[in-house]
C-alpha atoms as a PDB file:
ATOM      1  CA  MET A   1     105.535 250.607  53.407  1.00  0.00           C
ATOM      2  CA  GLY A   2     104.077 253.819  54.908  1.00  0.00           C
ATOM      3  CA  LEU A   3     106.671 254.754  57.521  1.00  0.00           C
ATOM      4  CA  PRO A   4     105.524 257.591  59.778  1.00  0.00           C
ATOM      5  CA  ALA A   5     107.483 260.826  59.508  1.00  0.00           C
ATOM      6  CA  TYR A   6     109.113 260.475  62.925  1.00  0.00           C
ATOM      7  CA  ALA A   7     110.458 257.010  62.013  1.00  0.00           C
ATOM      8  CA  VAL A   8     112.000 258.385  58.805  1.00  0.00           C
ATOM      9  CA  VAL A   9     113.601 261.258  60.725  1.00  0.00           C
ATOM     10  CA  LEU A  10     114.958 258.896  63.390  1.00  0.00           C
ATOM     11  CA  ALA A  11     116.372 256.574  60.721  1.00  0.00           C
ATOM     12  CA  CYS A  12     118.064 259.433  58.841  1.00  0.00           C
ATOM     13  CA  VAL A  13     119.532 261.037  61.957  1.00  0.00           C
ATOM     14  CA  SER A  14     120.690 257.623  63.148  1.00  0.00           C
ATOM     15  CA  GLY A  15     122.526 257.108  59.866  1.00  0.00           C
ATOM     16  CA  VAL A  16     124.251 260.494  59.947  1.00  0.00           C
ATOM     17  CA  ILE A  17     125.230 260.085  63.607  1.00  0.00           C
ATOM     18  CA  GLY A  18     126.155 256.412  63.641  1.00  0.00           C
ATOM     19  CA  LEU A  19     127.623 255.874  60.173  1.00  0.00           C
ATOM     20  CA  GLY A  20     128.858 259.402  59.533  1.00  0.00           C
ATOM     21  CA  LEU A  21     130.134 260.675  62.878  1.00  0.00           C
ATOM     22  CA  GLY A  22     130.570 257.363  64.710  1.00  0.00           C
ATOM     23  CA  ASP A  23     132.542 255.542  62.025  1.00  0.00           C
ATOM     24  CA  THR A  24     134.705 258.625  61.457  1.00  0.00           C
ATOM     25  CA  LEU A  25     135.592 258.761  65.155  1.00  0.00           C
ATOM     26  CA  TYR A  26     136.301 255.029  65.017  1.00  0.00           C
ATOM     27  CA  MET A  27     138.755 255.429  62.140  1.00  0.00           C
ATOM     28  CA  ILE A  28     140.532 258.262  63.963  1.00  0.00           C
ATOM     29  CA  SER A  29     140.882 256.100  67.072  1.00  0.00           C
ATOM     30  CA  LEU A  30     142.273 253.246  64.955  1.00  0.00           C
ATOM     31  CA  LYS A  31     144.872 255.591  63.508  1.00  0.00           C
ATOM     32  CA  LEU A  32     145.886 256.944  66.935  1.00  0.00           C
ATOM     33  CA  ILE A  33     145.998 253.833  69.121  1.00  0.00           C
ATOM     34  CA  GLY A  34     145.711 250.881  66.745  1.00  0.00           C
ATOM     35  CA  VAL A  35     143.286 247.991  66.407  1.00  0.00           C
ATOM     36  CA  ALA A  36     144.289 246.196  69.622  1.00  0.00           C
ATOM     37  CA  ARG A  37     143.262 249.167  71.772  1.00  0.00           C
ATOM     38  CA  ALA A  38     140.529 250.803  69.703  1.00  0.00           C
ATOM     39  CA  VAL A  39     138.385 247.719  69.021  1.00  0.00           C
ATOM     40  CA  PRO A  40     137.801 246.612  72.631  1.00  0.00           C
ATOM     41  CA  ILE A  41     137.054 250.176  73.730  1.00  0.00           C
ATOM     42  CA  THR A  42     134.549 250.869  70.941  1.00  0.00           C
ATOM     43  CA  CYS A  43     132.935 247.478  71.553  1.00  0.00           C
ATOM     44  CA  THR A  44     131.785 248.739  74.960  1.00  0.00           C
ATOM     45  CA  TYR A  45     128.824 250.416  73.236  1.00  0.00           C
ATOM     46  CA  PRO A  46     126.415 247.785  74.681  1.00  0.00           C
ATOM     47  CA  LEU A  47     127.141 249.216  78.133  1.00  0.00           C
ATOM     48  CA  PHE A  48     126.071 252.681  76.963  1.00  0.00           C
ATOM     49  CA  ASN A  49     122.998 251.107  75.354  1.00  0.00           C
ATOM     50  CA  LEU A  50     122.061 249.512  78.668  1.00  0.00           C
ATOM     51  CA  LEU A  51     122.201 252.926  80.348  1.00  0.00           C
ATOM     52  CA  LEU A  52     120.083 254.468  77.572  1.00  0.00           C
ATOM     53  CA  ALA A  53     117.590 251.613  77.712  1.00  0.00           C
ATOM     54  CA  ILE A  54     117.155 252.079  81.446  1.00  0.00           C
ATOM     55  CA  SER A  55     117.180 255.881  81.671  1.00  0.00           C
ATOM     56  CA  LEU A  56     115.449 256.992  78.454  1.00  0.00           C
ATOM     57  CA  GLN A  57     113.305 254.121  77.217  1.00  0.00           C
ATOM     58  CA  GLY A  58     112.313 252.578  80.522  1.00  0.00           C
ATOM     59  CA  GLU A  59     113.285 249.113  79.307  1.00  0.00           C
ATOM     60  CA  THR A  60     113.439 246.443  81.997  1.00  0.00           C
ATOM     61  CA  VAL A  61     117.001 245.149  82.221  1.00  0.00           C
ATOM     62  CA  THR A  62     117.513 242.015  84.277  1.00  0.00           C
ATOM     63  CA  LEU A  63     120.585 241.023  86.263  1.00  0.00           C
ATOM     64  CA  TYR A  64     121.244 238.275  83.703  1.00  0.00           C
ATOM     65  CA  VAL A  65     121.415 240.840  80.899  1.00  0.00           C
ATOM     66  CA  ILE A  66     123.835 243.028  82.869  1.00  0.00           C
ATOM     67  CA  LEU A  67     126.094 240.093  83.764  1.00  0.00           C
ATOM     68  CA  GLY A  68     125.987 238.762  80.205  1.00  0.00           C
ATOM     69  CA  THR A  69     126.826 242.169  78.742  1.00  0.00           C
ATOM     70  CA  VAL A  70     129.809 242.595  81.055  1.00  0.00           C
ATOM     71  CA  ALA A  71     131.030 239.082  80.179  1.00  0.00           C
ATOM     72  CA  ILE A  72     130.770 239.783  76.436  1.00  0.00           C
ATOM     73  CA  VAL A  73     132.561 243.139  76.664  1.00  0.00           C
ATOM     74  CA  PHE A  74     135.368 241.672  78.778  1.00  0.00           C
ATOM     75  CA  GLY A  75     135.606 238.668  76.461  1.00  0.00           C
ATOM     76  CA  VAL A  76     135.897 240.962  73.440  1.00  0.00           C
ATOM     77  CA  TRP A  77     138.623 242.889  75.256  1.00  0.00           C
ATOM     78  CA  LEU A  78     140.606 239.675  75.833  1.00  0.00           C
ATOM     79  CA  ILE A  79     140.187 238.509  72.229  1.00  0.00           C
ATOM     80  CA  SER A  80     141.351 241.859  70.887  1.00  0.00           C
ATOM     81  CA  GLN A  81     144.543 241.953  72.920  1.00  0.00           C
ATOM     82  CA  GLU A  82     147.905 241.694  71.203  1.00  0.00           C
ATOM     83  CA  GLU A  83     151.352 241.172  72.600  1.00  0.00           C
ATOM     84  CA  THR A  84     152.770 244.388  74.023  1.00  0.00           C
ATOM     85  CA  SER A  85     154.834 246.253  71.475  1.00  0.00           C
ATOM     86  CA  THR A  86     158.119 247.881  72.350  1.00  0.00           C
ATOM     87  CA  SER A  87     157.007 251.125  70.711  1.00  0.00           C
ATOM     88  CA  GLU A  88     154.201 252.422  72.921  1.00  0.00           C
ATOM     89  CA  PRO A  89     152.307 255.508  71.707  1.00  0.00           C
ATOM     90  CA  GLN A  90     152.986 258.738  73.501  1.00  0.00           C
ATOM     91  CA  LYS A  91     150.784 259.447  76.507  1.00  0.00           C
ATOM     92  CA  LYS A  92     148.934 262.375  74.928  1.00  0.00           C
ATOM     93  CA  VAL A  93     148.224 260.402  71.765  1.00  0.00           C
ATOM     94  CA  LEU A  94     147.035 257.431  73.822  1.00  0.00           C
ATOM     95  CA  VAL A  95     144.649 259.559  75.892  1.00  0.00           C
ATOM     96  CA  LYS A  96     143.341 261.242  72.747  1.00  0.00           C
ATOM     97  CA  GLY A  97     142.842 257.902  71.001  1.00  0.00           C
ATOM     98  CA  VAL A  98     140.996 256.440  73.982  1.00  0.00           C
ATOM     99  CA  ALA A  99     138.760 259.519  74.098  1.00  0.00           C
ATOM    100  CA  TYR A 100     137.882 259.089  70.409  1.00  0.00           C
ATOM    101  CA  ALA A 101     137.166 255.379  70.948  1.00  0.00           C
ATOM    102  CA  LEU A 102     134.869 256.079  73.906  1.00  0.00           C
ATOM    103  CA  ALA A 103     133.121 258.807  71.914  1.00  0.00           C
ATOM    104  CA  THR A 104     132.612 256.243  69.137  1.00  0.00           C
ATOM    105  CA  ALA A 105     130.978 253.815  71.558  1.00  0.00           C
ATOM    106  CA  LEU A 106     128.652 256.516  72.885  1.00  0.00           C
ATOM    107  CA  VAL A 107     127.682 257.731  69.397  1.00  0.00           C
ATOM    108  CA  TRP A 108     127.011 254.186  68.211  1.00  0.00           C
ATOM    109  CA  ALA A 109     124.841 253.577  71.284  1.00  0.00           C
ATOM    110  CA  VAL A 110     122.745 256.673  70.566  1.00  0.00           C
ATOM    111  CA  SER A 111     122.423 255.688  66.903  1.00  0.00           C
ATOM    112  CA  ILE A 112     121.289 252.169  67.813  1.00  0.00           C
ATOM    113  CA  ALA A 113     118.724 253.544  70.274  1.00  0.00           C
ATOM    114  CA  MET A 114     117.277 255.641  67.436  1.00  0.00           C
ATOM    115  CA  ILE A 115     117.099 252.580  65.183  1.00  0.00           C
ATOM    116  CA  ASP A 116     115.205 250.700  67.871  1.00  0.00           C
ATOM    117  CA  MET A 117     112.670 253.512  68.247  1.00  0.00           C
ATOM    118  CA  ALA A 118     112.260 253.828  64.479  1.00  0.00           C
ATOM    119  CA  VAL A 119     111.730 250.139  63.822  1.00  0.00           C
ATOM    120  CA  ASN A 120     109.433 249.359  66.742  1.00  0.00           C
ATOM    121  CA  ILE A 121     106.140 250.653  65.380  1.00  0.00           C
ATOM    122  CA  PRO A 122     103.508 248.211  66.740  1.00  0.00           C
ATOM    123  CA  GLU A 123     101.420 248.010  63.573  1.00  0.00           C
ATOM    124  CA  LYS A 124     104.413 247.667  61.215  1.00  0.00           C
ATOM    125  CA  ARG A 125     106.888 245.318  62.921  1.00  0.00           C
ATOM    126  CA  ASN A 126     107.983 243.281  59.903  1.00  0.00           C
ATOM    127  CA  LEU A 127     110.801 242.676  57.434  1.00  0.00           C
ATOM    128  CA  ASP A 128     109.812 245.617  55.220  1.00  0.00           C
ATOM    129  CA  GLN A 129     110.000 247.926  58.227  1.00  0.00           C
ATOM    130  CA  ALA A 130     113.582 246.890  58.986  1.00  0.00           C
ATOM    131  CA  LEU A 131     114.597 247.188  55.325  1.00  0.00           C
ATOM    132  CA  ALA A 132     113.052 250.652  55.000  1.00  0.00           C
ATOM    133  CA  VAL A 133     114.707 251.972  58.165  1.00  0.00           C
ATOM    134  CA  ASN A 134     118.119 250.674  57.114  1.00  0.00           C
ATOM    135  CA  THR A 135     117.695 252.104  53.595  1.00  0.00           C
ATOM    136  CA  PHE A 136     116.892 255.567  54.941  1.00  0.00           C
ATOM    137  CA  ARG A 137     119.952 255.378  57.234  1.00  0.00           C
ATOM    138  CA  VAL A 138     122.354 254.550  54.400  1.00  0.00           C
ATOM    139  CA  VAL A 139     120.859 257.058  51.958  1.00  0.00           C
ATOM    140  CA  ALA A 140     120.892 259.827  54.581  1.00  0.00           C
ATOM    141  CA  VAL A 141     124.561 259.376  55.450  1.00  0.00           C
ATOM    142  CA  ALA A 142     125.492 259.073  51.763  1.00  0.00           C
ATOM    143  CA  VAL A 143     123.806 262.377  50.954  1.00  0.00           C
ATOM    144  CA  PHE A 144     125.325 264.014  54.043  1.00  0.00           C
ATOM    145  CA  LEU A 145     128.860 262.914  53.146  1.00  0.00           C
ATOM    146  CA  LEU A 146     128.517 263.976  49.521  1.00  0.00           C
ATOM    147  CA  VAL A 147     127.217 267.401  50.503  1.00  0.00           C
ATOM    148  CA  SER A 148     129.956 267.894  53.102  1.00  0.00           C
ATOM    149  CA  ALA A 149     132.743 266.573  50.833  1.00  0.00           C
ATOM    150  CA  PRO A 150     133.666 270.026  49.415  1.00  0.00           C
ATOM    151  CA  ILE A 151     134.224 271.210  52.992  1.00  0.00           C
ATOM    152  CA  THR A 152     136.018 268.197  54.495  1.00  0.00           C
ATOM    153  CA  ASP A 153     137.987 267.245  51.371  1.00  0.00           C
ATOM    154  CA  ARG A 154     138.386 270.300  49.170  1.00  0.00           C
ATOM    155  CA  LYS A 155     140.752 268.539  46.780  1.00  0.00           C
ATOM    156  CA  PHE A 156     138.348 265.571  46.401  1.00  0.00           C
ATOM    157  CA  ASP A 157     141.167 263.122  47.089  1.00  0.00           C
ATOM    158  CA  PHE A 158     138.632 260.345  47.656  1.00  0.00           C
ATOM    159  CA  LEU A 159     137.983 260.332  43.904  1.00  0.00           C
ATOM    160  CA  LYS A 160     141.641 259.452  43.306  1.00  0.00           C
ATOM    161  CA  MET A 161     141.703 256.237  45.327  1.00  0.00           C
ATOM    162  CA  GLN A 162     143.038 253.069  43.728  1.00  0.00           C
ATOM    163  CA  ARG A 163     140.627 250.594  42.188  1.00  0.00           C
ATOM    164  CA  LYS A 164     141.666 247.899  44.671  1.00  0.00           C
ATOM    165  CA  THR A 165     140.835 250.217  47.569  1.00  0.00           C
ATOM    166  CA  LEU A 166     137.498 251.148  46.001  1.00  0.00           C
ATOM    167  CA  VAL A 167     136.537 247.489  45.542  1.00  0.00           C
ATOM    168  CA  ALA A 168     137.461 246.731  49.152  1.00  0.00           C
ATOM    169  CA  LEU A 169     135.409 249.685  50.432  1.00  0.00           C
ATOM    170  CA  VAL A 170     132.376 248.819  48.323  1.00  0.00           C
ATOM    171  CA  SER A 171     132.522 245.148  49.290  1.00  0.00           C
ATOM    172  CA  GLY A 172     133.020 245.878  52.978  1.00  0.00           C
ATOM    173  CA  GLY A 173     130.325 248.541  52.956  1.00  0.00           C
ATOM    174  CA  THR A 174     127.835 246.217  51.290  1.00  0.00           C
ATOM    175  CA  VAL A 175     128.404 243.486  53.867  1.00  0.00           C
ATOM    176  CA  ALA A 176     128.617 245.741  56.934  1.00  0.00           C
ATOM    177  CA  LEU A 177     126.143 248.525  56.149  1.00  0.00           C
ATOM    178  CA  ALA A 178     123.623 246.800  53.908  1.00  0.00           C
ATOM    179  CA  LEU A 179     123.537 243.293  55.401  1.00  0.00           C
ATOM    180  CA  GLY A 180     124.996 243.716  58.891  1.00  0.00           C
ATOM    181  CA  TRP A 181     123.027 246.770  59.984  1.00  0.00           C
ATOM    182  CA  PHE A 182     119.872 245.408  58.337  1.00  0.00           C
ATOM    183  CA  LEU A 183     120.121 242.186  60.372  1.00  0.00           C
ATOM    184  CA  LEU A 184     120.669 244.182  63.580  1.00  0.00           C
ATOM    185  CA  THR A 185     117.687 246.389  62.759  1.00  0.00           C
ATOM    186  CA  PHE A 186     115.525 243.345  62.009  1.00  0.00           C
ATOM    187  CA  SER A 187     116.601 241.704  65.285  1.00  0.00           C
ATOM    188  CA  PHE A 188     115.046 244.612  67.224  1.00  0.00           C
ATOM    189  CA  ILE A 189     111.629 243.513  65.968  1.00  0.00           C
ATOM    190  CA  HIS A 190     111.931 240.099  67.622  1.00  0.00           C
ATOM    191  CA  THR A 191     114.442 240.662  70.447  1.00  0.00           C
ATOM    192  CA  PRO A 192     114.723 243.366  73.142  1.00  0.00           C
ATOM    193  CA  LYS A 193     117.515 245.828  72.416  1.00  0.00           C
ATOM    194  CA  SER A 194     119.153 245.014  75.751  1.00  0.00           C
ATOM    195  CA  GLN A 195     119.692 241.464  74.466  1.00  0.00           C
ATOM    196  CA  ALA A 196     120.375 242.082  70.773  1.00  0.00           C
ATOM    197  CA  VAL A 197     122.971 244.852  71.164  1.00  0.00           C
ATOM    198  CA  PRO A 198     125.500 242.949  73.344  1.00  0.00           C
ATOM    199  CA  ILE A 199     125.409 240.043  70.907  1.00  0.00           C
ATOM    200  CA  SER A 200     126.089 242.435  68.018  1.00  0.00           C
ATOM    201  CA  SER A 201     129.376 243.447  69.677  1.00  0.00           C
ATOM    202  CA  THR A 202     130.863 239.950  69.275  1.00  0.00           C
ATOM    203  CA  THR A 203     132.481 240.831  65.934  1.00  0.00           C
ATOM    204  CA  PRO A 204     136.051 240.244  67.209  1.00  0.00           C
ATOM    205  CA  LEU A 205     135.104 236.684  68.142  1.00  0.00           C
ATOM    206  CA  PHE A 206     134.110 235.809  64.581  1.00  0.00           C
ATOM    207  CA  SER A 207     137.032 237.694  63.046  1.00  0.00           C
ATOM    208  CA  THR A 208     139.394 235.796  65.328  1.00  0.00           C
ATOM    209  CA  ILE A 209     137.825 232.457  64.408  1.00  0.00           C
ATOM    210  CA  SER A 210     138.098 233.338  60.716  1.00  0.00           C
ATOM    211  CA  GLY A 211     141.746 234.283  61.182  1.00  0.00           C
ATOM    212  CA  ILE A 212     142.467 230.966  62.870  1.00  0.00           C
ATOM    213  CA  ILE A 213     140.705 228.927  60.179  1.00  0.00           C
ATOM    214  CA  PHE A 214     141.730 230.775  57.022  1.00  0.00           C
ATOM    215  CA  LEU A 215     144.950 232.557  58.009  1.00  0.00           C
ATOM    216  CA  HIS A 216     146.249 229.939  60.482  1.00  0.00           C
ATOM    217  CA  GLU A 217     146.779 232.539  63.174  1.00  0.00           C
ATOM    218  CA  ARG A 218     148.106 231.443  66.560  1.00  0.00           C
ATOM    219  CA  VAL A 219     145.598 230.636  69.310  1.00  0.00           C
ATOM    220  CA  THR A 220     146.549 232.222  72.627  1.00  0.00           C
ATOM    221  CA  GLY A 221     145.195 231.733  76.127  1.00  0.00           C
ATOM    222  CA  LYS A 222     143.543 235.171  75.992  1.00  0.00           C
ATOM    223  CA  ILE A 223     141.721 234.251  72.783  1.00  0.00           C
ATOM    224  CA  VAL A 224     140.422 231.009  74.306  1.00  0.00           C
ATOM    225  CA  ALA A 225     139.369 232.719  77.551  1.00  0.00           C
ATOM    226  CA  GLY A 226     137.769 235.632  75.691  1.00  0.00           C
ATOM    227  CA  SER A 227     135.868 233.312  73.348  1.00  0.00           C
ATOM    228  CA  ILE A 228     134.515 231.330  76.284  1.00  0.00           C
ATOM    229  CA  LEU A 229     133.414 234.528  78.039  1.00  0.00           C
ATOM    230  CA  VAL A 230     131.597 235.757  74.918  1.00  0.00           C
ATOM    231  CA  VAL A 231     129.730 232.457  74.526  1.00  0.00           C
ATOM    232  CA  VAL A 232     128.882 232.345  78.235  1.00  0.00           C
ATOM    233  CA  GLY A 233     127.741 235.986  78.088  1.00  0.00           C
ATOM    234  CA  ILE A 234     125.351 235.249  75.208  1.00  0.00           C
ATOM    235  CA  PHE A 235     123.989 232.239  77.102  1.00  0.00           C
ATOM    236  CA  VAL A 236     123.481 234.264  80.293  1.00  0.00           C
ATOM    237  CA  ILE A 237     121.676 237.080  78.447  1.00  0.00           C
ATOM    238  CA  PHE A 238     118.968 234.672  77.285  1.00  0.00           C
ATOM    239  CA  MET A 239     118.458 233.159  80.756  1.00  0.00           C
ATOM    240  CA  VAL A 240     115.344 235.296  81.214  1.00  0.00           C
END
């Protein structure tokens, strides 16, 4: 495999930042402002990635990519909307939750930029490269969380979780961290980050479709409009 030292460091730091800090901020934002508000805000990370790609990596970003990214982000926002509840969160809590969600998007963008730099080694752009980078990310954040556990959770309450919760976490982590992040990492080998990242933010589209098919959830005008925007955005991004 023979990853250079800088690629290993980038992969490890990306894991600690993206999976450790980013996902923690995301969970806090979910708790403060709920799924309907947190998801669309955190899914704006492709916009931050576009700025990083332009300013730091000198990547050429076309007008089509910008328009497609905006369409996808707005489509995700529409899909994620719920009917207004009568019990609105307090203003301070709302502002705090939005701040955490935006911080999540920024942290995820930085983490993804590190993945792209780690995986794009000209002489080693292959499947093994993507697998190695993703493995280092997961191992690094696992070690970091275990080492920091005595500080963040002195009573080790996470060891007392119910078996059902543990199974759900392990299953979700396997799909999201092992398979999902690996596929995103592998996509950077064949597709520019400015194209791959916006498409990766379409999670709410697929979760909505699954809910409609398997849970018979109601289809609203916002869901239809948002889904169309996401599909159009993906199409526009590849008009290069």
